[in-house]
């Protein structure tokens, strides 16, 4: 049975100003994953991915790579309770 999961992912490295969030948004929309990708004041990008486990795990893989101009040094992953997110937004 596929259950809905929620992952909070923080990407570290050169992830702002390199189309990282837009790459994440497009990948999430293709996979039907809800959530967000937001630039944080410390230079990281905080992402929330919610949906069925397989596409959420694919999104974690996308977050590890990012956009062509990104240099993702590492990601932090935290699994949390689903929030009912169905659309994807950037900020």
C-alpha atoms as a PDB file:
ATOM      1  CA  UNK A   1       0.000   0.000   0.000  1.00  0.00           C
ATOM      2  CA  UNK A   2       1.337   3.441  -0.922  1.00  0.00           C
ATOM      3  CA  UNK A   3       1.125   5.862   1.945  1.00  0.00           C
ATOM      4  CA  UNK A   4       1.626   9.610   1.873  1.00  0.00           C
ATOM      5  CA  UNK A   5       4.912  10.804   3.372  1.00  0.00           C
ATOM      6  CA  UNK A   6       6.524  14.189   4.016  1.00  0.00           C
ATOM      7  CA  UNK A   7      10.243  14.932   3.818  1.00  0.00           C
ATOM      8  CA  UNK A   8      11.914  18.186   4.862  1.00  0.00           C
ATOM      9  CA  UNK A   9      15.166  18.570   2.927  1.00  0.00           C
ATOM     10  CA  UNK A  10      17.741  21.314   3.425  1.00  0.00           C
ATOM     11  CA  UNK A  11      20.254  21.714   0.591  1.00  0.00           C
ATOM     12  CA  UNK A  12      23.673  23.180   1.401  1.00  0.00           C
ATOM     13  CA  UNK A  13      26.232  24.546  -1.037  1.00  0.00           C
ATOM     14  CA  UNK A  14      25.788  26.832  -4.026  1.00  0.00           C
ATOM     15  CA  UNK A  15      22.023  26.461  -4.326  1.00  0.00           C
ATOM     16  CA  UNK A  16      20.757  30.047  -4.499  1.00  0.00           C
ATOM     17  CA  UNK A  17      20.737  32.082  -7.714  1.00  0.00           C
ATOM     18  CA  UNK A  18      21.397  29.024  -9.899  1.00  0.00           C
ATOM     19  CA  UNK A  19      17.821  27.930 -10.797  1.00  0.00           C
ATOM     20  CA  UNK A  20      17.872  25.271  -8.069  1.00  0.00           C
ATOM     21  CA  UNK A  21      14.343  26.054  -6.819  1.00  0.00           C
ATOM     22  CA  UNK A  22      12.888  26.131 -10.329  1.00  0.00           C
ATOM     23  CA  UNK A  23      14.513  22.783 -11.125  1.00  0.00           C
ATOM     24  CA  UNK A  24      12.982  21.354  -7.948  1.00  0.00           C
ATOM     25  CA  UNK A  25       9.556  22.849  -8.749  1.00  0.00           C
ATOM     26  CA  UNK A  26       9.467  21.429 -12.267  1.00  0.00           C
ATOM     27  CA  UNK A  27      10.571  17.975 -11.076  1.00  0.00           C
ATOM     28  CA  UNK A  28       7.945  17.987  -8.317  1.00  0.00           C
ATOM     29  CA  UNK A  29       5.170  18.989 -10.704  1.00  0.00           C
ATOM     30  CA  UNK A  30       6.139  16.182 -13.104  1.00  0.00           C
ATOM     31  CA  UNK A  31       5.925  13.674 -10.241  1.00  0.00           C
ATOM     32  CA  UNK A  32       2.756  15.002  -8.620  1.00  0.00           C
ATOM     33  CA  UNK A  33       4.580  15.934  -5.415  1.00  0.00           C
ATOM     34  CA  UNK A  34       3.346  18.831  -3.285  1.00  0.00           C
ATOM     35  CA  UNK A  35       5.451  21.099  -1.114  1.00  0.00           C
ATOM     36  CA  UNK A  36       7.825  24.018  -1.454  1.00  0.00           C
ATOM     37  CA  UNK A  37      11.384  25.186  -2.099  1.00  0.00           C
ATOM     38  CA  UNK A  38      12.407  28.373  -0.287  1.00  0.00           C
ATOM     39  CA  UNK A  39      15.685  30.315  -0.116  1.00  0.00           C
ATOM     40  CA  UNK A  40      16.814  30.677   3.493  1.00  0.00           C
ATOM     41  CA  UNK A  41      18.849  33.579   4.938  1.00  0.00           C
ATOM     42  CA  UNK A  42      21.843  31.285   5.635  1.00  0.00           C
ATOM     43  CA  UNK A  43      22.257  30.457   1.912  1.00  0.00           C
ATOM     44  CA  UNK A  44      20.531  27.064   2.027  1.00  0.00           C
ATOM     45  CA  UNK A  45      17.319  26.057   0.285  1.00  0.00           C
ATOM     46  CA  UNK A  46      14.653  24.390   2.427  1.00  0.00           C
ATOM     47  CA  UNK A  47      12.408  21.999   0.549  1.00  0.00           C
ATOM     48  CA  UNK A  48       9.293  20.152   1.620  1.00  0.00           C
ATOM     49  CA  UNK A  49       8.163  17.167  -0.435  1.00  0.00           C
ATOM     50  CA  UNK A  50       4.828  15.462   0.164  1.00  0.00           C
ATOM     51  CA  UNK A  51       3.188  12.630  -1.703  1.00  0.00           C
ATOM     52  CA  UNK A  52       3.536   8.900  -2.166  1.00  0.00           C
ATOM     53  CA  UNK A  53       6.894   7.531  -1.010  1.00  0.00           C
ATOM     54  CA  UNK A  54       8.433   6.583  -4.410  1.00  0.00           C
ATOM     55  CA  UNK A  55       8.082  10.044  -6.012  1.00  0.00           C
ATOM     56  CA  UNK A  56       9.136  11.762  -2.759  1.00  0.00           C
ATOM     57  CA  UNK A  57      12.280   9.627  -2.712  1.00  0.00           C
ATOM     58  CA  UNK A  58      12.881  10.618  -6.358  1.00  0.00           C
ATOM     59  CA  UNK A  59      12.609  14.262  -5.289  1.00  0.00           C
ATOM     60  CA  UNK A  60      15.246  13.707  -2.628  1.00  0.00           C
ATOM     61  CA  UNK A  61      17.531  12.421  -5.389  1.00  0.00           C
ATOM     62  CA  UNK A  62      16.743  15.522  -7.490  1.00  0.00           C
ATOM     63  CA  UNK A  63      17.571  17.721  -4.479  1.00  0.00           C
ATOM     64  CA  UNK A  64      20.979  16.019  -4.168  1.00  0.00           C
ATOM     65  CA  UNK A  65      21.869  17.058  -7.722  1.00  0.00           C
ATOM     66  CA  UNK A  66      19.911  20.288  -8.234  1.00  0.00           C
ATOM     67  CA  UNK A  67      20.246  22.439 -11.320  1.00  0.00           C
ATOM     68  CA  UNK A  68      23.090  22.529 -13.820  1.00  0.00           C
ATOM     69  CA  UNK A  69      24.639  25.570 -12.067  1.00  0.00           C
ATOM     70  CA  UNK A  70      24.219  24.247  -8.533  1.00  0.00           C
ATOM     71  CA  UNK A  71      26.940  22.720  -6.402  1.00  0.00           C
ATOM     72  CA  UNK A  72      25.104  20.759  -3.716  1.00  0.00           C
ATOM     73  CA  UNK A  73      27.562  19.955  -0.933  1.00  0.00           C
ATOM     74  CA  UNK A  74      25.082  17.981   1.161  1.00  0.00           C
ATOM     75  CA  UNK A  75      21.426  17.641   2.036  1.00  0.00           C
ATOM     76  CA  UNK A  76      19.815  17.105   5.422  1.00  0.00           C
ATOM     77  CA  UNK A  77      16.651  14.977   5.440  1.00  0.00           C
ATOM     78  CA  UNK A  78      13.955  14.868   8.115  1.00  0.00           C
ATOM     79  CA  UNK A  79      10.822  12.740   7.756  1.00  0.00           C
ATOM     80  CA  UNK A  80       7.799  14.425   9.326  1.00  0.00           C
ATOM     81  CA  UNK A  81       4.037  13.990   9.431  1.00  0.00           C
ATOM     82  CA  UNK A  82       2.182  14.826   6.190  1.00  0.00           C
ATOM     83  CA  UNK A  83       0.512  18.248   6.145  1.00  0.00           C
ATOM     84  CA  UNK A  84      -1.911  17.772   3.253  1.00  0.00           C
ATOM     85  CA  UNK A  85       0.249  19.605   0.697  1.00  0.00           C
ATOM     86  CA  UNK A  86      -0.839  19.022  -2.893  1.00  0.00           C
ATOM     87  CA  UNK A  87       0.595  21.973  -4.865  1.00  0.00           C
ATOM     88  CA  UNK A  88       4.218  23.041  -5.134  1.00  0.00           C
ATOM     89  CA  UNK A  89       5.415  26.598  -4.548  1.00  0.00           C
ATOM     90  CA  UNK A  90       8.738  28.416  -4.497  1.00  0.00           C
ATOM     91  CA  UNK A  91       9.708  31.424  -2.430  1.00  0.00           C
END
